[in-house]
Amino acid sequence: LTIEDPVEFVHQSHQSLVRHRQVGQHTKQF
């Protein structure tokens, strides 16, 4: 799980499940 402001590199899930959250867009604060 990544929490970034903003999201920079975007990863597609391979062996792992990867989810991105951007502060201000998907959550209010870190």
PDB file of all heavy atoms in Angstrom:
ATOM      1  N   LEU A   1       0.855  -1.182   0.000  1.00  0.00           N
ATOM      2  CA  LEU A   1       0.000   0.000   0.000  1.00  0.00           C
ATOM      3  C   LEU A   1       0.890   1.231   0.000  1.00  0.00           C
ATOM      4  O   LEU A   1       1.762   1.387   0.859  1.00  0.00           O
ATOM      5  CB  LEU A   1      -0.889  -0.003   1.249  1.00  0.00           C
ATOM      6  CG  LEU A   1      -1.897   1.125   1.394  1.00  0.00           C
ATOM      7  CD1 LEU A   1      -2.929   1.081   0.275  1.00  0.00           C
ATOM      8  CD2 LEU A   1      -2.591   1.042   2.745  1.00  0.00           C
ATOM      9  N   THR A   2       0.711   2.132  -0.983  1.00  0.00           N
ATOM     10  CA  THR A   2       1.494   3.364  -1.023  1.00  0.00           C
ATOM     11  C   THR A   2       0.597   4.553  -0.693  1.00  0.00           C
ATOM     12  O   THR A   2      -0.557   4.606  -1.120  1.00  0.00           O
ATOM     13  CB  THR A   2       2.168   3.592  -2.396  1.00  0.00           C
ATOM     14  OG1 THR A   2       1.236   4.161  -3.322  1.00  0.00           O
ATOM     15  CG2 THR A   2       2.724   2.285  -2.955  1.00  0.00           C
ATOM     16  N   ILE A   3       1.148   5.491   0.086  1.00  0.00           N
ATOM     17  CA  ILE A   3       0.441   6.721   0.453  1.00  0.00           C
ATOM     18  C   ILE A   3       1.357   7.868   0.056  1.00  0.00           C
ATOM     19  O   ILE A   3       2.420   8.059   0.655  1.00  0.00           O
ATOM     20  CB  ILE A   3       0.140   6.761   1.966  1.00  0.00           C
ATOM     21  CG1 ILE A   3      -0.637   5.504   2.390  1.00  0.00           C
ATOM     22  CG2 ILE A   3      -0.646   8.015   2.316  1.00  0.00           C
ATOM     23  CD1 ILE A   3      -0.722   5.325   3.887  1.00  0.00           C
ATOM     24  N   GLU A   4       0.959   8.623  -0.978  1.00  0.00           N
ATOM     25  CA  GLU A   4       1.860   9.611  -1.571  1.00  0.00           C
ATOM     26  C   GLU A   4       1.138  10.920  -1.867  1.00  0.00           C
ATOM     27  O   GLU A   4      -0.086  10.953  -1.971  1.00  0.00           O
ATOM     28  CB  GLU A   4       2.462   9.061  -2.874  1.00  0.00           C
ATOM     29  CG  GLU A   4       3.222   7.752  -2.710  1.00  0.00           C
ATOM     30  CD  GLU A   4       3.611   7.144  -4.039  1.00  0.00           C
ATOM     31  OE1 GLU A   4       4.599   7.622  -4.622  1.00  0.00           O
ATOM     32  OE2 GLU A   4       2.922   6.219  -4.500  1.00  0.00           O
ATOM     33  N   ASP A   5       1.908  11.963  -2.029  1.00  0.00           N
ATOM     34  CA  ASP A   5       1.354  13.282  -2.342  1.00  0.00           C
ATOM     35  C   ASP A   5       2.300  14.005  -3.306  1.00  0.00           C
ATOM     36  O   ASP A   5       3.171  14.766  -2.878  1.00  0.00           O
ATOM     37  CB  ASP A   5       1.184  14.084  -1.052  1.00  0.00           C
ATOM     38  CG  ASP A   5       0.553  15.463  -1.295  1.00  0.00           C
ATOM     39  OD1 ASP A   5      -0.060  15.643  -2.367  1.00  0.00           O
ATOM     40  OD2 ASP A   5       0.685  16.344  -0.417  1.00  0.00           O
ATOM     41  N   PRO A   6       2.116  13.806  -4.633  1.00  0.00           N
ATOM     42  CA  PRO A   6       1.143  12.914  -5.270  1.00  0.00           C
ATOM     43  C   PRO A   6       1.750  11.535  -5.518  1.00  0.00           C
ATOM     44  O   PRO A   6       2.930  11.309  -5.251  1.00  0.00           O
ATOM     45  CB  PRO A   6       0.885  13.628  -6.599  1.00  0.00           C
ATOM     46  CG  PRO A   6       2.233  14.207  -6.932  1.00  0.00           C
ATOM     47  CD  PRO A   6       2.836  14.635  -5.616  1.00  0.00           C
ATOM     48  N   VAL A   7       0.932  10.627  -6.082  1.00  0.00           N
ATOM     49  CA  VAL A   7       1.454   9.347  -6.547  1.00  0.00           C
ATOM     50  C   VAL A   7       2.439   9.610  -7.677  1.00  0.00           C
ATOM     51  O   VAL A   7       2.149  10.384  -8.597  1.00  0.00           O
ATOM     52  CB  VAL A   7       0.309   8.431  -7.038  1.00  0.00           C
ATOM     53  CG1 VAL A   7       0.861   7.203  -7.740  1.00  0.00           C
ATOM     54  CG2 VAL A   7      -0.567   8.018  -5.856  1.00  0.00           C
ATOM     55  N   GLU A   8       3.604   8.982  -7.604  1.00  0.00           N
ATOM     56  CA  GLU A   8       4.610   9.175  -8.649  1.00  0.00           C
ATOM     57  C   GLU A   8       4.679   7.934  -9.539  1.00  0.00           C
ATOM     58  O   GLU A   8       3.962   7.832 -10.516  1.00  0.00           O
ATOM     59  CB  GLU A   8       5.949   9.526  -8.007  1.00  0.00           C
ATOM     60  CG  GLU A   8       5.880  10.861  -7.257  1.00  0.00           C
ATOM     61  CD  GLU A   8       7.233  11.410  -6.884  1.00  0.00           C
ATOM     62  OE1 GLU A   8       8.199  11.182  -7.630  1.00  0.00           O
ATOM     63  OE2 GLU A   8       7.327  12.086  -5.849  1.00  0.00           O
ATOM     64  N   PHE A   9       5.521   6.974  -9.208  1.00  0.00           N
ATOM     65  CA  PHE A   9       5.581   5.749 -10.010  1.00  0.00           C
ATOM     66  C   PHE A   9       4.350   4.888  -9.720  1.00  0.00           C
ATOM     67  O   PHE A   9       3.982   4.692  -8.561  1.00  0.00           O
ATOM     68  CB  PHE A   9       6.842   4.955  -9.675  1.00  0.00           C
ATOM     69  CG  PHE A   9       8.103   5.604 -10.169  1.00  0.00           C
ATOM     70  CD1 PHE A   9       8.793   6.508  -9.371  1.00  0.00           C
ATOM     71  CD2 PHE A   9       8.608   5.308 -11.427  1.00  0.00           C
ATOM     72  CE1 PHE A   9       9.958   7.104  -9.819  1.00  0.00           C
ATOM     73  CE2 PHE A   9       9.773   5.912 -11.880  1.00  0.00           C
ATOM     74  CZ  PHE A   9      10.453   6.808 -11.079  1.00  0.00           C
ATOM     75  N   VAL A  10       3.742   4.375 -10.780  1.00  0.00           N
ATOM     76  CA  VAL A  10       2.561   3.524 -10.642  1.00  0.00           C
ATOM     77  C   VAL A  10       2.945   2.091 -10.985  1.00  0.00           C
ATOM     78  O   VAL A  10       3.524   1.821 -12.044  1.00  0.00           O
ATOM     79  CB  VAL A  10       1.417   4.008 -11.556  1.00  0.00           C
ATOM     80  CG1 VAL A  10       0.233   3.057 -11.486  1.00  0.00           C
ATOM     81  CG2 VAL A  10       1.000   5.422 -11.155  1.00  0.00           C
ATOM     82  N   HIS A  11       2.640   1.176 -10.080  1.00  0.00           N
ATOM     83  CA  HIS A  11       3.012  -0.232 -10.225  1.00  0.00           C
ATOM     84  C   HIS A  11       1.778  -1.072 -10.533  1.00  0.00           C
ATOM     85  O   HIS A  11       0.736  -0.931  -9.878  1.00  0.00           O
ATOM     86  CB  HIS A  11       3.642  -0.754  -8.930  1.00  0.00           C
ATOM     87  CG  HIS A  11       4.856   0.003  -8.492  1.00  0.00           C
ATOM     88  ND1 HIS A  11       6.139  -0.417  -8.769  1.00  0.00           N
ATOM     89  CD2 HIS A  11       4.980   1.164  -7.793  1.00  0.00           C
ATOM     90  CE1 HIS A  11       7.001   0.442  -8.256  1.00  0.00           C
ATOM     91  NE2 HIS A  11       6.331   1.416  -7.663  1.00  0.00           N
ATOM     92  N   GLN A  12       1.900  -1.945 -11.514  1.00  0.00           N
ATOM     93  CA  GLN A  12       0.878  -2.945 -11.772  1.00  0.00           C
ATOM     94  C   GLN A  12       1.155  -4.157 -10.884  1.00  0.00           C
ATOM     95  O   GLN A  12       2.308  -4.530 -10.673  1.00  0.00           O
ATOM     96  CB  GLN A  12       0.893  -3.363 -13.243  1.00  0.00           C
ATOM     97  CG  GLN A  12       0.597  -2.232 -14.214  1.00  0.00           C
ATOM     98  CD  GLN A  12      -0.748  -1.580 -13.952  1.00  0.00           C
ATOM     99  OE1 GLN A  12      -1.778  -2.240 -13.999  1.00  0.00           O
ATOM    100  NE2 GLN A  12      -0.738  -0.287 -13.659  1.00  0.00           N
ATOM    101  N   SER A  13       0.114  -4.764 -10.358  1.00  0.00           N
ATOM    102  CA  SER A  13       0.290  -5.916  -9.478  1.00  0.00           C
ATOM    103  C   SER A  13       0.875  -7.098 -10.248  1.00  0.00           C
ATOM    104  O   SER A  13       0.412  -7.422 -11.349  1.00  0.00           O
ATOM    105  CB  SER A  13      -1.047  -6.314  -8.855  1.00  0.00           C
ATOM    106  OG  SER A  13      -1.556  -5.281  -8.049  1.00  0.00           O
ATOM    107  N   HIS A  14       1.899  -7.733  -9.676  1.00  0.00           N
ATOM    108  CA  HIS A  14       2.485  -8.948 -10.236  1.00  0.00           C
ATOM    109  C   HIS A  14       2.321 -10.064  -9.203  1.00  0.00           C
ATOM    110  O   HIS A  14       1.205 -10.520  -8.998  1.00  0.00           O
ATOM    111  CB  HIS A  14       3.940  -8.704 -10.625  1.00  0.00           C
ATOM    112  CG  HIS A  14       4.092  -7.750 -11.768  1.00  0.00           C
ATOM    113  ND1 HIS A  14       3.766  -8.069 -13.062  1.00  0.00           N
ATOM    114  CD2 HIS A  14       4.515  -6.457 -11.809  1.00  0.00           C
ATOM    115  CE1 HIS A  14       3.978  -7.040 -13.859  1.00  0.00           C
ATOM    116  NE2 HIS A  14       4.434  -6.036 -13.122  1.00  0.00           N
ATOM    117  N   GLN A  15       3.385 -10.483  -8.549  1.00  0.00           N
ATOM    118  CA  GLN A  15       3.194 -11.439  -7.457  1.00  0.00           C
ATOM    119  C   GLN A  15       2.507 -10.777  -6.270  1.00  0.00           C
ATOM    120  O   GLN A  15       1.762 -11.414  -5.526  1.00  0.00           O
ATOM    121  CB  GLN A  15       4.539 -12.033  -7.020  1.00  0.00           C
ATOM    122  CG  GLN A  15       5.113 -13.062  -7.984  1.00  0.00           C
ATOM    123  CD  GLN A  15       6.108 -13.979  -7.296  1.00  0.00           C
ATOM    124  OE1 GLN A  15       5.903 -14.419  -6.164  1.00  0.00           O
ATOM    125  NE2 GLN A  15       7.195 -14.265  -7.989  1.00  0.00           N
ATOM    126  N   SER A  16       2.763  -9.495  -6.095  1.00  0.00           N
ATOM    127  CA  SER A  16       2.130  -8.754  -5.006  1.00  0.00           C
ATOM    128  C   SER A  16       0.891  -8.017  -5.501  1.00  0.00           C
ATOM    129  O   SER A  16       0.726  -7.769  -6.697  1.00  0.00           O
ATOM    130  CB  SER A  16       3.110  -7.737  -4.420  1.00  0.00           C
ATOM    131  OG  SER A  16       4.171  -8.352  -3.735  1.00  0.00           O
ATOM    132  N   LEU A  17       0.018  -7.669  -4.550  1.00  0.00           N
ATOM    133  CA  LEU A  17      -1.109  -6.779  -4.804  1.00  0.00           C
ATOM    134  C   LEU A  17      -0.657  -5.375  -4.412  1.00  0.00           C
ATOM    135  O   LEU A  17      -0.240  -5.141  -3.281  1.00  0.00           O
ATOM    136  CB  LEU A  17      -2.313  -7.202  -3.957  1.00  0.00           C
ATOM    137  CG  LEU A  17      -3.492  -6.227  -3.905  1.00  0.00           C
ATOM    138  CD1 LEU A  17      -4.118  -6.066  -5.286  1.00  0.00           C
ATOM    139  CD2 LEU A  17      -4.528  -6.696  -2.883  1.00  0.00           C
ATOM    140  N   VAL A  18      -0.730  -4.427  -5.359  1.00  0.00           N
ATOM    141  CA  VAL A  18      -0.267  -3.064  -5.109  1.00  0.00           C
ATOM    142  C   VAL A  18      -1.443  -2.105  -5.213  1.00  0.00           C
ATOM    143  O   VAL A  18      -2.171  -2.105  -6.212  1.00  0.00           O
ATOM    144  CB  VAL A  18       0.827  -2.636  -6.112  1.00  0.00           C
ATOM    145  CG1 VAL A  18       1.379  -1.271  -5.727  1.00  0.00           C
ATOM    146  CG2 VAL A  18       1.942  -3.667  -6.170  1.00  0.00           C
ATOM    147  N   ARG A  19      -1.614  -1.290  -4.172  1.00  0.00           N
ATOM    148  CA  ARG A  19      -2.652  -0.255  -4.188  1.00  0.00           C
ATOM    149  C   ARG A  19      -2.002   1.093  -3.892  1.00  0.00           C
ATOM    150  O   ARG A  19      -1.177   1.211  -2.992  1.00  0.00           O
ATOM    151  CB  ARG A  19      -3.738  -0.542  -3.152  1.00  0.00           C
ATOM    152  CG  ARG A  19      -4.652  -1.704  -3.518  1.00  0.00           C
ATOM    153  CD  ARG A  19      -5.932  -1.660  -2.698  1.00  0.00           C
ATOM    154  NE  ARG A  19      -6.879  -2.674  -3.141  1.00  0.00           N
ATOM    155  CZ  ARG A  19      -7.086  -3.831  -2.525  1.00  0.00           C
ATOM    156  NH1 ARG A  19      -6.402  -4.118  -1.441  1.00  0.00           N
ATOM    157  NH2 ARG A  19      -7.973  -4.692  -2.987  1.00  0.00           N
ATOM    158  N   HIS A  20      -2.409   2.106  -4.666  1.00  0.00           N
ATOM    159  CA  HIS A  20      -1.892   3.462  -4.486  1.00  0.00           C
ATOM    160  C   HIS A  20      -2.985   4.370  -3.931  1.00  0.00           C
ATOM    161  O   HIS A  20      -4.129   4.332  -4.392  1.00  0.00           O
ATOM    162  CB  HIS A  20      -1.418   4.041  -5.822  1.00  0.00           C
ATOM    163  CG  HIS A  20      -0.288   3.303  -6.442  1.00  0.00           C
ATOM    164  ND1 HIS A  20       1.017   3.488  -6.079  1.00  0.00           N
ATOM    165  CD2 HIS A  20      -0.264   2.360  -7.427  1.00  0.00           C
ATOM    166  CE1 HIS A  20       1.803   2.707  -6.797  1.00  0.00           C
ATOM    167  NE2 HIS A  20       1.047   2.011  -7.626  1.00  0.00           N
ATOM    168  N   ARG A  21      -2.613   5.226  -2.979  1.00  0.00           N
ATOM    169  CA  ARG A  21      -3.530   6.244  -2.462  1.00  0.00           C
ATOM    170  C   ARG A  21      -2.835   7.601  -2.535  1.00  0.00           C
ATOM    171  O   ARG A  21      -1.687   7.742  -2.098  1.00  0.00           O
ATOM    172  CB  ARG A  21      -3.938   5.951  -1.025  1.00  0.00           C
ATOM    173  CG  ARG A  21      -4.618   4.600  -0.821  1.00  0.00           C
ATOM    174  CD  ARG A  21      -5.273   4.525   0.541  1.00  0.00           C
ATOM    175  NE  ARG A  21      -6.459   5.373   0.596  1.00  0.00           N
ATOM    176  CZ  ARG A  21      -7.090   5.703   1.735  1.00  0.00           C
ATOM    177  NH1 ARG A  21      -6.602   5.283   2.896  1.00  0.00           N
ATOM    178  NH2 ARG A  21      -8.166   6.458   1.717  1.00  0.00           N
ATOM    179  N   GLN A  22      -3.521   8.577  -3.101  1.00  0.00           N
ATOM    180  CA  GLN A  22      -2.959   9.918  -3.220  1.00  0.00           C
ATOM    181  C   GLN A  22      -3.626  10.848  -2.221  1.00  0.00           C
ATOM    182  O   GLN A  22      -4.852  10.943  -2.166  1.00  0.00           O
ATOM    183  CB  GLN A  22      -3.146  10.452  -4.642  1.00  0.00           C
ATOM    184  CG  GLN A  22      -2.611  11.871  -4.832  1.00  0.00           C
ATOM    185  CD  GLN A  22      -2.428  12.226  -6.292  1.00  0.00           C
ATOM    186  OE1 GLN A  22      -1.836  11.454  -7.053  1.00  0.00           O
ATOM    187  NE2 GLN A  22      -2.934  13.388  -6.690  1.00  0.00           N
ATOM    188  N   VAL A  23      -2.801  11.527  -1.424  1.00  0.00           N
ATOM    189  CA  VAL A  23      -3.318  12.475  -0.448  1.00  0.00           C
ATOM    190  C   VAL A  23      -4.024  13.608  -1.185  1.00  0.00           C
ATOM    191  O   VAL A  23      -3.507  14.161  -2.152  1.00  0.00           O
ATOM    192  CB  VAL A  23      -2.182  13.020   0.438  1.00  0.00           C
ATOM    193  CG1 VAL A  23      -2.715  14.090   1.395  1.00  0.00           C
ATOM    194  CG2 VAL A  23      -1.534  11.892   1.214  1.00  0.00           C
ATOM    195  N   GLY A  24      -5.212  13.934  -0.718  1.00  0.00           N
ATOM    196  CA  GLY A  24      -6.011  14.973  -1.354  1.00  0.00           C
ATOM    197  C   GLY A  24      -7.006  14.434  -2.349  1.00  0.00           C
ATOM    198  O   GLY A  24      -8.025  15.068  -2.605  1.00  0.00           O
ATOM    199  N   GLN A  25      -6.719  13.252  -2.907  1.00  0.00           N
ATOM    200  CA  GLN A  25      -7.624  12.654  -3.889  1.00  0.00           C
ATOM    201  C   GLN A  25      -8.290  11.398  -3.337  1.00  0.00           C
ATOM    202  O   GLN A  25      -9.494  11.213  -3.501  1.00  0.00           O
ATOM    203  CB  GLN A  25      -6.865  12.301  -5.169  1.00  0.00           C
ATOM    204  CG  GLN A  25      -7.752  11.741  -6.281  1.00  0.00           C
ATOM    205  CD  GLN A  25      -7.016  11.625  -7.595  1.00  0.00           C
ATOM    206  OE1 GLN A  25      -6.275  12.517  -7.995  1.00  0.00           O
ATOM    207  NE2 GLN A  25      -7.200  10.517  -8.276  1.00  0.00           N
ATOM    208  N   HIS A  26      -7.510  10.545  -2.670  1.00  0.00           N
ATOM    209  CA  HIS A  26      -8.057   9.304  -2.123  1.00  0.00           C
ATOM    210  C   HIS A  26      -8.111   9.321  -0.601  1.00  0.00           C
ATOM    211  O   HIS A  26      -8.702   8.435   0.004  1.00  0.00           O
ATOM    212  CB  HIS A  26      -7.221   8.101  -2.578  1.00  0.00           C
ATOM    213  CG  HIS A  26      -6.986   8.063  -4.050  1.00  0.00           C
ATOM    214  ND1 HIS A  26      -5.738   8.017  -4.616  1.00  0.00           N
ATOM    215  CD2 HIS A  26      -7.867   8.097  -5.088  1.00  0.00           C
ATOM    216  CE1 HIS A  26      -5.840   8.006  -5.930  1.00  0.00           C
ATOM    217  NE2 HIS A  26      -7.119   8.061  -6.243  1.00  0.00           N
ATOM    218  N   THR A  27      -7.489  10.290   0.015  1.00  0.00           N
ATOM    219  CA  THR A  27      -7.486  10.452   1.468  1.00  0.00           C
ATOM    220  C   THR A  27      -7.165  11.903   1.782  1.00  0.00           C
ATOM    221  O   THR A  27      -6.523  12.590   0.972  1.00  0.00           O
ATOM    222  CB  THR A  27      -6.454   9.510   2.126  1.00  0.00           C
ATOM    223  OG1 THR A  27      -6.513   9.655   3.546  1.00  0.00           O
ATOM    224  CG2 THR A  27      -5.040   9.830   1.656  1.00  0.00           C
ATOM    225  N   LYS A  28      -7.587  12.387   2.928  1.00  0.00           N
ATOM    226  CA  LYS A  28      -7.405  13.805   3.232  1.00  0.00           C
ATOM    227  C   LYS A  28      -5.996  14.137   3.686  1.00  0.00           C
ATOM    228  O   LYS A  28      -5.484  15.214   3.378  1.00  0.00           O
ATOM    229  CB  LYS A  28      -8.422  14.247   4.290  1.00  0.00           C
ATOM    230  CG  LYS A  28      -9.857  14.287   3.768  1.00  0.00           C
ATOM    231  CD  LYS A  28     -10.805  14.866   4.796  1.00  0.00           C
ATOM    232  CE  LYS A  28     -12.213  14.978   4.229  1.00  0.00           C
ATOM    233  NZ  LYS A  28     -13.175  15.544   5.230  1.00  0.00           N
ATOM    234  N   GLN A  29      -5.339  13.238   4.437  1.00  0.00           N
ATOM    235  CA  GLN A  29      -4.007  13.548   4.925  1.00  0.00           C
ATOM    236  C   GLN A  29      -3.230  12.273   5.201  1.00  0.00           C
ATOM    237  O   GLN A  29      -3.797  11.193   5.355  1.00  0.00           O
ATOM    238  CB  GLN A  29      -4.070  14.413   6.184  1.00  0.00           C
ATOM    239  CG  GLN A  29      -4.932  13.839   7.298  1.00  0.00           C
ATOM    240  CD  GLN A  29      -5.135  14.840   8.416  1.00  0.00           C
ATOM    241  OE1 GLN A  29      -4.738  15.985   8.320  1.00  0.00           O
ATOM    242  NE2 GLN A  29      -5.749  14.408   9.492  1.00  0.00           N
ATOM    243  N   PHE A  30      -1.897  12.421   5.249  1.00  0.00           N
ATOM    244  CA  PHE A  30      -1.015  11.279   5.456  1.00  0.00           C
ATOM    245  C   PHE A  30      -1.388  10.511   6.717  1.00  0.00           C
ATOM    246  O   PHE A  30      -1.511   9.286   6.711  1.00  0.00           O
ATOM    247  CB  PHE A  30       0.444  11.757   5.583  1.00  0.00           C
ATOM    248  CG  PHE A  30       1.190  11.792   4.290  1.00  0.00           C
ATOM    249  CD1 PHE A  30       1.506  13.004   3.692  1.00  0.00           C
ATOM    250  CD2 PHE A  30       1.595  10.631   3.660  1.00  0.00           C
ATOM    251  CE1 PHE A  30       2.208  13.054   2.502  1.00  0.00           C
ATOM    252  CE2 PHE A  30       2.297  10.668   2.472  1.00  0.00           C
ATOM    253  CZ  PHE A  30       2.612  11.879   1.893  1.00  0.00           C
TER     254      PHE A  30
END
